[in-house]
Every structure is written in C-alpha cells, then in structure tokens.
Amino acid sequence: MVKCPACPHPGCNLPDNWEKAGPLLFLYALFITVNGNFKLKGKERHLKDVELMLGWG
C-alpha cells in the first residue's frame, strides 16, 4: 500500500500547531468516502450488475 501524499499525516505534511487551528480545524481532517454513484445510476436504468473482469478482483 502507498501512503496518499494528499492525506493529512502529522509530522509529514501538516503545518506546525495544526491542532490549534480553532474553527478551521476541518481543513486538516481526513475524509474517507466511497464513490458508488455508478451503481445508483444503473439501478435507475434497470441495468444488471455487470462484471468487468469475471471475478479477477
């Protein structure tokens, strides 16, 4: 696994005293999300779940 250079890592890519940012502390938060919109759009079109590589995951 490779460390994400854009993700906040204390002591690596965060400024000094980042904990004292007050109301701007959200700037240094790590947000983890999953983009699953393609499945929702397929449901709207009544499409089946299509395998891309026949179980090669």
PDB file of N, CA and C in Angstrom:
ATOM      1  N   MET A   1       0.839  -1.159   0.000  1.00  0.00           N
ATOM      2  CA  MET A   1       0.000   0.000   0.000  1.00  0.00           C
ATOM      3  C   MET A   1       0.895   1.236   0.000  1.00  0.00           C
ATOM      4  N   VAL A   2       0.454   2.265  -0.695  1.00  0.00           N
ATOM      5  CA  VAL A   2       1.204   3.511  -0.798  1.00  0.00           C
ATOM      6  C   VAL A   2       0.495   4.583   0.015  1.00  0.00           C
ATOM      7  N   LYS A   3       1.253   5.336   0.810  1.00  0.00           N
ATOM      8  CA  LYS A   3       0.664   6.438   1.564  1.00  0.00           C
ATOM      9  C   LYS A   3       0.218   7.523   0.602  1.00  0.00           C
ATOM     10  N   CYS A   4      -0.970   8.037   0.832  1.00  0.00           N
ATOM     11  CA  CYS A   4      -1.501   9.104  -0.021  1.00  0.00           C
ATOM     12  C   CYS A   4      -0.813  10.422   0.336  1.00  0.00           C
ATOM     13  N   PRO A   5      -0.165  11.074  -0.615  1.00  0.00           N
ATOM     14  CA  PRO A   5       0.516  12.330  -0.306  1.00  0.00           C
ATOM     15  C   PRO A   5      -0.456  13.482  -0.035  1.00  0.00           C
ATOM     16  N   ALA A   6      -1.698  13.354  -0.433  1.00  0.00           N
ATOM     17  CA  ALA A   6      -2.678  14.413  -0.202  1.00  0.00           C
ATOM     18  C   ALA A   6      -3.376  14.274   1.145  1.00  0.00           C
ATOM     19  N   CYS A   7      -3.311  13.104   1.764  1.00  0.00           N
ATOM     20  CA  CYS A   7      -3.964  12.891   3.057  1.00  0.00           C
ATOM     21  C   CYS A   7      -3.128  13.509   4.169  1.00  0.00           C
ATOM     22  N   PRO A   8      -3.791  14.060   5.200  1.00  0.00           N
ATOM     23  CA  PRO A   8      -3.030  14.694   6.286  1.00  0.00           C
ATOM     24  C   PRO A   8      -2.307  13.679   7.157  1.00  0.00           C
ATOM     25  N   HIS A   9      -0.993  13.838   7.272  1.00  0.00           N
ATOM     26  CA  HIS A   9      -0.162  12.991   8.118  1.00  0.00           C
ATOM     27  C   HIS A   9       0.612  13.889   9.078  1.00  0.00           C
ATOM     28  N   PRO A  10       0.301  13.845  10.394  1.00  0.00           N
ATOM     29  CA  PRO A  10       1.047  14.681  11.352  1.00  0.00           C
ATOM     30  C   PRO A  10       2.545  14.380  11.290  1.00  0.00           C
ATOM     31  N   GLY A  11       3.341  15.438  11.313  1.00  0.00           N
ATOM     32  CA  GLY A  11       4.789  15.289  11.255  1.00  0.00           C
ATOM     33  C   GLY A  11       5.323  15.109   9.854  1.00  0.00           C
ATOM     34  N   CYS A  12       4.452  15.036   8.870  1.00  0.00           N
ATOM     35  CA  CYS A  12       4.890  14.817   7.487  1.00  0.00           C
ATOM     36  C   CYS A  12       4.451  15.974   6.581  1.00  0.00           C
ATOM     37  N   ASN A  13       3.141  16.160   6.455  1.00  0.00           N
ATOM     38  CA  ASN A  13       2.660  17.197   5.542  1.00  0.00           C
ATOM     39  C   ASN A  13       1.625  18.127   6.176  1.00  0.00           C
ATOM     40  N   LEU A  14       1.624  18.235   7.508  1.00  0.00           N
ATOM     41  CA  LEU A  14       0.763  19.185   8.205  1.00  0.00           C
ATOM     42  C   LEU A  14       1.632  20.291   8.797  1.00  0.00           C
ATOM     43  N   PRO A  15       1.116  21.533   8.825  1.00  0.00           N
ATOM     44  CA  PRO A  15       1.917  22.613   9.400  1.00  0.00           C
ATOM     45  C   PRO A  15       2.048  22.458  10.913  1.00  0.00           C
ATOM     46  N   ASP A  16       3.054  23.124  11.496  1.00  0.00           N
ATOM     47  CA  ASP A  16       3.215  23.119  12.944  1.00  0.00           C
ATOM     48  C   ASP A  16       1.983  23.747  13.595  1.00  0.00           C
ATOM     49  N   ASN A  17       1.615  23.249  14.756  1.00  0.00           N
ATOM     50  CA  ASN A  17       0.463  23.745  15.532  1.00  0.00           C
ATOM     51  C   ASN A  17      -0.861  23.619  14.778  1.00  0.00           C
ATOM     52  N   TRP A  18      -1.000  22.608  13.948  1.00  0.00           N
ATOM     53  CA  TRP A  18      -2.250  22.420  13.211  1.00  0.00           C
ATOM     54  C   TRP A  18      -3.406  22.108  14.152  1.00  0.00           C
ATOM     55  N   GLU A  19      -3.097  21.551  15.359  1.00  0.00           N
ATOM     56  CA  GLU A  19      -4.150  21.224  16.318  1.00  0.00           C
ATOM     57  C   GLU A  19      -4.829  22.478  16.860  1.00  0.00           C
ATOM     58  N   LYS A  20      -4.155  23.611  16.786  1.00  0.00           N
ATOM     59  CA  LYS A  20      -4.666  24.865  17.344  1.00  0.00           C
ATOM     60  C   LYS A  20      -5.314  25.738  16.273  1.00  0.00           C
ATOM     61  N   ALA A  21      -5.820  25.151  15.225  1.00  0.00           N
ATOM     62  CA  ALA A  21      -6.411  25.914  14.124  1.00  0.00           C
ATOM     63  C   ALA A  21      -7.786  26.473  14.473  1.00  0.00           C
ATOM     64  N   GLY A  22      -8.365  26.054  15.592  1.00  0.00           N
ATOM     65  CA  GLY A  22      -9.659  26.570  16.025  1.00  0.00           C
ATOM     66  C   GLY A  22     -10.770  26.157  15.078  1.00  0.00           C
ATOM     67  N   PRO A  23     -11.571  27.136  14.619  1.00  0.00           N
ATOM     68  CA  PRO A  23     -12.707  26.794  13.747  1.00  0.00           C
ATOM     69  C   PRO A  23     -12.281  26.296  12.361  1.00  0.00           C
ATOM     70  N   LEU A  24     -11.024  26.462  12.012  1.00  0.00           N
ATOM     71  CA  LEU A  24     -10.535  25.995  10.706  1.00  0.00           C
ATOM     72  C   LEU A  24      -9.922  24.598  10.790  1.00  0.00           C
ATOM     73  N   LEU A  25     -10.141  23.898  11.896  1.00  0.00           N
ATOM     74  CA  LEU A  25      -9.567  22.572  12.082  1.00  0.00           C
ATOM     75  C   LEU A  25     -10.042  21.586  11.005  1.00  0.00           C
ATOM     76  N   PHE A  26     -11.222  21.838  10.424  1.00  0.00           N
ATOM     77  CA  PHE A  26     -11.737  20.949   9.367  1.00  0.00           C
ATOM     78  C   PHE A  26     -10.808  20.906   8.158  1.00  0.00           C
ATOM     79  N   LEU A  27      -9.961  21.907   7.994  1.00  0.00           N
ATOM     80  CA  LEU A  27      -9.025  21.919   6.860  1.00  0.00           C
ATOM     81  C   LEU A  27      -8.033  20.768   6.930  1.00  0.00           C
ATOM     82  N   TYR A  28      -7.793  20.250   8.145  1.00  0.00           N
ATOM     83  CA  TYR A  28      -6.803  19.203   8.334  1.00  0.00           C
ATOM     84  C   TYR A  28      -7.446  17.868   8.669  1.00  0.00           C
ATOM     85  N   ALA A  29      -8.723  17.720   8.390  1.00  0.00           N
ATOM     86  CA  ALA A  29      -9.430  16.470   8.670  1.00  0.00           C
ATOM     87  C   ALA A  29      -9.288  15.508   7.489  1.00  0.00           C
ATOM     88  N   LEU A  30      -9.321  14.239   7.796  1.00  0.00           N
ATOM     89  CA  LEU A  30      -9.266  13.207   6.766  1.00  0.00           C
ATOM     90  C   LEU A  30     -10.687  12.751   6.479  1.00  0.00           C
ATOM     91  N   PHE A  31     -11.135  12.907   5.251  1.00  0.00           N
ATOM     92  CA  PHE A  31     -12.468  12.487   4.835  1.00  0.00           C
ATOM     93  C   PHE A  31     -12.335  11.252   3.963  1.00  0.00           C
ATOM     94  N   ILE A  32     -12.959  10.165   4.372  1.00  0.00           N
ATOM     95  CA  ILE A  32     -12.921   8.924   3.601  1.00  0.00           C
ATOM     96  C   ILE A  32     -14.316   8.687   3.039  1.00  0.00           C
ATOM     97  N   THR A  33     -14.406   8.567   1.732  1.00  0.00           N
ATOM     98  CA  THR A  33     -15.689   8.360   1.076  1.00  0.00           C
ATOM     99  C   THR A  33     -15.562   7.260   0.034  1.00  0.00           C
ATOM    100  N   VAL A  34     -16.700   6.804  -0.419  1.00  0.00           N
ATOM    101  CA  VAL A  34     -16.744   5.814  -1.481  1.00  0.00           C
ATOM    102  C   VAL A  34     -17.641   6.365  -2.574  1.00  0.00           C
ATOM    103  N   ASN A  35     -17.171   6.338  -3.790  1.00  0.00           N
ATOM    104  CA  ASN A  35     -17.959   6.816  -4.905  1.00  0.00           C
ATOM    105  C   ASN A  35     -18.715   5.628  -5.490  1.00  0.00           C
ATOM    106  N   GLY A  36     -19.967   5.521  -5.151  1.00  0.00           N
ATOM    107  CA  GLY A  36     -20.781   4.426  -5.648  1.00  0.00           C
ATOM    108  C   GLY A  36     -21.927   4.890  -6.518  1.00  0.00           C
ATOM    109  N   ASN A  37     -21.832   6.097  -7.037  1.00  0.00           N
ATOM    110  CA  ASN A  37     -22.929   6.651  -7.825  1.00  0.00           C
ATOM    111  C   ASN A  37     -23.203   5.857  -9.090  1.00  0.00           C
ATOM    112  N   PHE A  38     -22.205   5.203  -9.648  1.00  0.00           N
ATOM    113  CA  PHE A  38     -22.418   4.440 -10.870  1.00  0.00           C
ATOM    114  C   PHE A  38     -23.421   3.317 -10.633  1.00  0.00           C
ATOM    115  N   LYS A  39     -23.455   2.761  -9.422  1.00  0.00           N
ATOM    116  CA  LYS A  39     -24.426   1.701  -9.138  1.00  0.00           C
ATOM    117  C   LYS A  39     -25.836   2.270  -9.056  1.00  0.00           C
ATOM    118  N   LEU A  40     -25.972   3.463  -8.433  1.00  0.00           N
ATOM    119  CA  LEU A  40     -27.285   4.072  -8.322  1.00  0.00           C
ATOM    120  C   LEU A  40     -27.833   4.443  -9.696  1.00  0.00           C
ATOM    121  N   LYS A  41     -26.976   4.945 -10.558  1.00  0.00           N
ATOM    122  CA  LYS A  41     -27.427   5.304 -11.902  1.00  0.00           C
ATOM    123  C   LYS A  41     -27.851   4.064 -12.683  1.00  0.00           C
ATOM    124  N   GLY A  42     -27.137   2.951 -12.467  1.00  0.00           N
ATOM    125  CA  GLY A  42     -27.518   1.711 -13.125  1.00  0.00           C
ATOM    126  C   GLY A  42     -28.860   1.197 -12.641  1.00  0.00           C
ATOM    127  N   LYS A  43     -29.156   1.396 -11.361  1.00  0.00           N
ATOM    128  CA  LYS A  43     -30.457   0.979 -10.826  1.00  0.00           C
ATOM    129  C   LYS A  43     -31.580   1.778 -11.466  1.00  0.00           C
ATOM    130  N   GLU A  44     -31.343   3.080 -11.648  1.00  0.00           N
ATOM    131  CA  GLU A  44     -32.366   3.923 -12.274  1.00  0.00           C
ATOM    132  C   GLU A  44     -32.687   3.439 -13.684  1.00  0.00           C
ATOM    133  N   ARG A  45     -31.696   2.909 -14.376  1.00  0.00           N
ATOM    134  CA  ARG A  45     -31.878   2.437 -15.759  1.00  0.00           C
ATOM    135  C   ARG A  45     -32.251   0.965 -15.825  1.00  0.00           C
ATOM    136  N   HIS A  46     -32.432   0.346 -14.652  1.00  0.00           N
ATOM    137  CA  HIS A  46     -32.787  -1.074 -14.543  1.00  0.00           C
ATOM    138  C   HIS A  46     -31.740  -1.964 -15.216  1.00  0.00           C
ATOM    139  N   LEU A  47     -30.443  -1.608 -15.025  1.00  0.00           N
ATOM    140  CA  LEU A  47     -29.361  -2.409 -15.575  1.00  0.00           C
ATOM    141  C   LEU A  47     -28.920  -3.455 -14.558  1.00  0.00           C
ATOM    142  N   LYS A  48     -28.446  -4.582 -15.041  1.00  0.00           N
ATOM    143  CA  LYS A  48     -27.899  -5.609 -14.168  1.00  0.00           C
ATOM    144  C   LYS A  48     -26.496  -5.200 -13.721  1.00  0.00           C
ATOM    145  N   ASP A  49     -26.030  -5.780 -12.637  1.00  0.00           N
ATOM    146  CA  ASP A  49     -24.665  -5.548 -12.184  1.00  0.00           C
ATOM    147  C   ASP A  49     -23.729  -6.282 -13.135  1.00  0.00           C
ATOM    148  N   VAL A  50     -22.912  -5.531 -13.856  1.00  0.00           N
ATOM    149  CA  VAL A  50     -22.047  -6.098 -14.878  1.00  0.00           C
ATOM    150  C   VAL A  50     -20.661  -6.346 -14.294  1.00  0.00           C
ATOM    151  N   GLU A  51     -20.134  -7.539 -14.459  1.00  0.00           N
ATOM    152  CA  GLU A  51     -18.764  -7.832 -14.024  1.00  0.00           C
ATOM    153  C   GLU A  51     -17.791  -7.297 -15.060  1.00  0.00           C
ATOM    154  N   LEU A  52     -16.757  -6.622 -14.575  1.00  0.00           N
ATOM    155  CA  LEU A  52     -15.787  -6.055 -15.508  1.00  0.00           C
ATOM    156  C   LEU A  52     -14.750  -7.077 -15.955  1.00  0.00           C
ATOM    157  N   MET A  53     -14.332  -7.961 -15.038  1.00  0.00           N
ATOM    158  CA  MET A  53     -13.276  -8.915 -15.368  1.00  0.00           C
ATOM    159  C   MET A  53     -13.625 -10.322 -14.911  1.00  0.00           C
ATOM    160  N   LEU A  54     -14.853 -10.694 -14.806  1.00  0.00           N
ATOM    161  CA  LEU A  54     -15.295 -12.030 -14.481  1.00  0.00           C
ATOM    162  C   LEU A  54     -14.604 -12.599 -13.246  1.00  0.00           C
ATOM    163  N   GLY A  55     -14.608 -11.836 -12.142  1.00  0.00           N
ATOM    164  CA  GLY A  55     -14.058 -12.321 -10.888  1.00  0.00           C
ATOM    165  C   GLY A  55     -12.562 -12.211 -10.744  1.00  0.00           C
ATOM    166  N   TRP A  56     -11.919 -11.398 -11.545  1.00  0.00           N
ATOM    167  CA  TRP A  56     -10.481 -11.256 -11.455  1.00  0.00           C
ATOM    168  C   TRP A  56     -10.067 -10.360 -10.305  1.00  0.00           C
ATOM    169  N   GLY A  57     -11.024  -9.777  -9.535  1.00  0.00           N
ATOM    170  CA  GLY A  57     -10.770  -8.801  -8.479  1.00  0.00           C
ATOM    171  C   GLY A  57      -9.611  -9.133  -7.646  1.00  0.00           C
TER     172      GLY A  57
END
